[in-house]
């Protein structure tokens, strides 16, 4: 499986963006998917995860109630809908995949996309 993230950009505070992560291969439906983000000089942090069925979702406290992760297994794509954006959401966002079960730990994910920049202006 190869992952490609896109959809980032520049948005004003209070606005919204939707990130997409497209996966190649026929085993997408067996992977739990997650989004992480990283600011220069800081460690990559967990944002959201979704189980391979889509039945379980998990969020960092900092984005809970504002971001929604979802997936479409027919399209091999996972999404991150980001609403009520804040300047502190500015980061490079990465999608990641691991077999079946979600995790909030980046070390548990073996497959990563290339990252997409999100910049939120105040």
C-alpha atoms as a PDB file:
ATOM      1  CA  UNK A   1       0.000   0.000   0.000  1.00  0.00           C
ATOM      2  CA  UNK A   2       1.216   3.486  -0.906  1.00  0.00           C
ATOM      3  CA  UNK A   3      -0.370   6.588   0.563  1.00  0.00           C
ATOM      4  CA  UNK A   4      -0.754  10.028  -0.945  1.00  0.00           C
ATOM      5  CA  UNK A   5      -2.147  12.892   1.083  1.00  0.00           C
ATOM      6  CA  UNK A   6      -3.541  16.067  -0.413  1.00  0.00           C
ATOM      7  CA  UNK A   7      -5.992  18.852   0.290  1.00  0.00           C
ATOM      8  CA  UNK A   8      -3.898  21.116   2.478  1.00  0.00           C
ATOM      9  CA  UNK A   9      -3.646  24.823   1.972  1.00  0.00           C
ATOM     10  CA  UNK A  10      -4.007  28.242   3.538  1.00  0.00           C
ATOM     11  CA  UNK A  11      -7.167  29.004   5.438  1.00  0.00           C
ATOM     12  CA  UNK A  12      -8.304  31.663   7.867  1.00  0.00           C
ATOM     13  CA  UNK A  13      -9.059  30.895  11.476  1.00  0.00           C
ATOM     14  CA  UNK A  14     -12.602  29.626  11.807  1.00  0.00           C
ATOM     15  CA  UNK A  15     -12.548  28.182   8.309  1.00  0.00           C
ATOM     16  CA  UNK A  16     -12.432  24.600   7.155  1.00  0.00           C
ATOM     17  CA  UNK A  17     -10.399  22.244   5.021  1.00  0.00           C
ATOM     18  CA  UNK A  18     -10.763  18.626   4.037  1.00  0.00           C
ATOM     19  CA  UNK A  19      -7.718  16.446   3.705  1.00  0.00           C
ATOM     20  CA  UNK A  20      -7.750  13.278   1.677  1.00  0.00           C
ATOM     21  CA  UNK A  21      -5.377  10.345   1.690  1.00  0.00           C
ATOM     22  CA  UNK A  22      -5.588   8.021  -1.279  1.00  0.00           C
ATOM     23  CA  UNK A  23      -4.178   4.523  -0.981  1.00  0.00           C
ATOM     24  CA  UNK A  24      -3.039   2.214  -3.713  1.00  0.00           C
ATOM     25  CA  UNK A  25      -3.441  -1.543  -3.527  1.00  0.00           C
ATOM     26  CA  UNK A  26      -6.310  -3.886  -2.873  1.00  0.00           C
ATOM     27  CA  UNK A  27      -5.850  -4.311   0.875  1.00  0.00           C
ATOM     28  CA  UNK A  28      -6.914  -0.836   2.000  1.00  0.00           C
ATOM     29  CA  UNK A  29      -9.967  -2.235   3.764  1.00  0.00           C
ATOM     30  CA  UNK A  30      -7.717  -4.215   6.121  1.00  0.00           C
ATOM     31  CA  UNK A  31      -5.808  -1.167   7.354  1.00  0.00           C
ATOM     32  CA  UNK A  32      -6.553   1.123  10.231  1.00  0.00           C
ATOM     33  CA  UNK A  33      -5.807   4.685   9.158  1.00  0.00           C
ATOM     34  CA  UNK A  34      -4.661   7.732  11.059  1.00  0.00           C
ATOM     35  CA  UNK A  35      -3.665  11.334  10.691  1.00  0.00           C
ATOM     36  CA  UNK A  36      -0.706  12.856  12.461  1.00  0.00           C
ATOM     37  CA  UNK A  37       0.701  16.347  12.260  1.00  0.00           C
ATOM     38  CA  UNK A  38       4.061  17.920  12.810  1.00  0.00           C
ATOM     39  CA  UNK A  39       5.325  21.425  13.389  1.00  0.00           C
ATOM     40  CA  UNK A  40       9.005  22.158  12.712  1.00  0.00           C
ATOM     41  CA  UNK A  41      11.062  21.536  15.798  1.00  0.00           C
ATOM     42  CA  UNK A  42       8.361  19.474  17.492  1.00  0.00           C
ATOM     43  CA  UNK A  43       7.514  15.816  17.571  1.00  0.00           C
ATOM     44  CA  UNK A  44       4.866  14.422  15.298  1.00  0.00           C
ATOM     45  CA  UNK A  45       1.568  14.228  17.163  1.00  0.00           C
ATOM     46  CA  UNK A  46      -1.519  12.112  16.819  1.00  0.00           C
ATOM     47  CA  UNK A  47      -4.619  13.788  15.409  1.00  0.00           C
ATOM     48  CA  UNK A  48      -7.206  11.123  14.596  1.00  0.00           C
ATOM     49  CA  UNK A  49      -7.572   7.447  13.745  1.00  0.00           C
ATOM     50  CA  UNK A  50     -10.209   5.203  12.278  1.00  0.00           C
ATOM     51  CA  UNK A  51     -10.526   1.436  12.422  1.00  0.00           C
ATOM     52  CA  UNK A  52     -10.394  -0.710   9.294  1.00  0.00           C
ATOM     53  CA  UNK A  53     -14.185  -1.027   9.269  1.00  0.00           C
ATOM     54  CA  UNK A  54     -14.753   2.631   9.987  1.00  0.00           C
ATOM     55  CA  UNK A  55     -16.712   1.687  13.072  1.00  0.00           C
ATOM     56  CA  UNK A  56     -14.262   3.153  15.556  1.00  0.00           C
ATOM     57  CA  UNK A  57     -12.813   6.653  15.549  1.00  0.00           C
ATOM     58  CA  UNK A  58     -10.411   8.322  17.942  1.00  0.00           C
ATOM     59  CA  UNK A  59      -9.295  11.912  18.320  1.00  0.00           C
ATOM     60  CA  UNK A  60      -6.719  13.972  20.095  1.00  0.00           C
ATOM     61  CA  UNK A  61      -8.316  16.211  22.706  1.00  0.00           C
ATOM     62  CA  UNK A  62      -7.079  19.262  20.824  1.00  0.00           C
ATOM     63  CA  UNK A  63      -9.215  18.473  17.773  1.00  0.00           C
ATOM     64  CA  UNK A  64     -12.182  16.654  19.297  1.00  0.00           C
ATOM     65  CA  UNK A  65     -15.438  18.233  18.221  1.00  0.00           C
ATOM     66  CA  UNK A  66     -13.778  20.111  15.341  1.00  0.00           C
ATOM     67  CA  UNK A  67     -12.206  17.393  13.191  1.00  0.00           C
ATOM     68  CA  UNK A  68     -13.863  14.305  11.754  1.00  0.00           C
ATOM     69  CA  UNK A  69     -12.069  11.314  10.294  1.00  0.00           C
ATOM     70  CA  UNK A  70     -13.882   9.067   7.855  1.00  0.00           C
ATOM     71  CA  UNK A  71     -13.090   6.536   5.178  1.00  0.00           C
ATOM     72  CA  UNK A  72     -14.511   5.193   1.963  1.00  0.00           C
ATOM     73  CA  UNK A  73     -13.162   1.701   1.405  1.00  0.00           C
ATOM     74  CA  UNK A  74     -14.666   1.570  -2.078  1.00  0.00           C
ATOM     75  CA  UNK A  75     -12.500   4.553  -3.022  1.00  0.00           C
ATOM     76  CA  UNK A  76      -9.448   3.540  -0.981  1.00  0.00           C
ATOM     77  CA  UNK A  77      -9.518   6.940   0.664  1.00  0.00           C
ATOM     78  CA  UNK A  78      -9.503   8.328   4.170  1.00  0.00           C
ATOM     79  CA  UNK A  79     -10.583  11.873   4.920  1.00  0.00           C
ATOM     80  CA  UNK A  80     -10.005  14.437   7.634  1.00  0.00           C
ATOM     81  CA  UNK A  81     -12.653  17.136   7.764  1.00  0.00           C
ATOM     82  CA  UNK A  82     -11.222  20.039   9.721  1.00  0.00           C
ATOM     83  CA  UNK A  83     -13.692  22.676  10.900  1.00  0.00           C
ATOM     84  CA  UNK A  84     -13.290  25.714  13.123  1.00  0.00           C
ATOM     85  CA  UNK A  85      -9.617  25.857  12.269  1.00  0.00           C
ATOM     86  CA  UNK A  86      -7.242  27.548  14.662  1.00  0.00           C
ATOM     87  CA  UNK A  87      -3.752  28.954  14.048  1.00  0.00           C
ATOM     88  CA  UNK A  88      -2.383  26.186  16.262  1.00  0.00           C
ATOM     89  CA  UNK A  89      -3.641  23.650  13.715  1.00  0.00           C
ATOM     90  CA  UNK A  90      -0.906  24.848  11.378  1.00  0.00           C
ATOM     91  CA  UNK A  91       1.326  21.873  10.606  1.00  0.00           C
ATOM     92  CA  UNK A  92       2.262  19.315   8.023  1.00  0.00           C
ATOM     93  CA  UNK A  93      -0.379  16.602   8.137  1.00  0.00           C
ATOM     94  CA  UNK A  94       0.519  12.994   7.427  1.00  0.00           C
ATOM     95  CA  UNK A  95      -1.698  10.004   6.867  1.00  0.00           C
ATOM     96  CA  UNK A  96      -0.572   6.627   8.101  1.00  0.00           C
ATOM     97  CA  UNK A  97      -1.718   3.026   7.943  1.00  0.00           C
ATOM     98  CA  UNK A  98      -1.318  -0.127  10.001  1.00  0.00           C
ATOM     99  CA  UNK A  99      -2.987  -3.509   9.902  1.00  0.00           C
ATOM    100  CA  UNK A 100      -6.536  -3.643  11.268  1.00  0.00           C
ATOM    101  CA  UNK A 101      -6.291  -1.973  14.662  1.00  0.00           C
ATOM    102  CA  UNK A 102      -5.889   1.674  15.487  1.00  0.00           C
ATOM    103  CA  UNK A 103      -3.218   3.214  17.634  1.00  0.00           C
ATOM    104  CA  UNK A 104      -2.366   6.718  18.745  1.00  0.00           C
ATOM    105  CA  UNK A 105       1.368   5.957  18.647  1.00  0.00           C
ATOM    106  CA  UNK A 106       3.241   6.904  15.494  1.00  0.00           C
ATOM    107  CA  UNK A 107       5.715   4.059  16.004  1.00  0.00           C
ATOM    108  CA  UNK A 108       2.858   1.582  15.486  1.00  0.00           C
ATOM    109  CA  UNK A 109       2.311   2.769  11.918  1.00  0.00           C
ATOM    110  CA  UNK A 110       4.532   1.376   9.207  1.00  0.00           C
ATOM    111  CA  UNK A 111       3.064   3.104   6.178  1.00  0.00           C
ATOM    112  CA  UNK A 112       3.149   6.874   5.716  1.00  0.00           C
ATOM    113  CA  UNK A 113       2.095   9.392   3.120  1.00  0.00           C
ATOM    114  CA  UNK A 114       4.258  12.320   2.092  1.00  0.00           C
ATOM    115  CA  UNK A 115       2.460  15.004   4.103  1.00  0.00           C
ATOM    116  CA  UNK A 116       0.408  18.018   3.150  1.00  0.00           C
ATOM    117  CA  UNK A 117       0.850  21.516   4.587  1.00  0.00           C
ATOM    118  CA  UNK A 118      -2.006  23.180   6.431  1.00  0.00           C
ATOM    119  CA  UNK A 119      -1.591  26.826   7.369  1.00  0.00           C
ATOM    120  CA  UNK A 120      -4.196  28.676   9.384  1.00  0.00           C
ATOM    121  CA  UNK A 121      -3.906  32.431   9.601  1.00  0.00           C
ATOM    122  CA  UNK A 122      -5.279  34.446  12.481  1.00  0.00           C
END
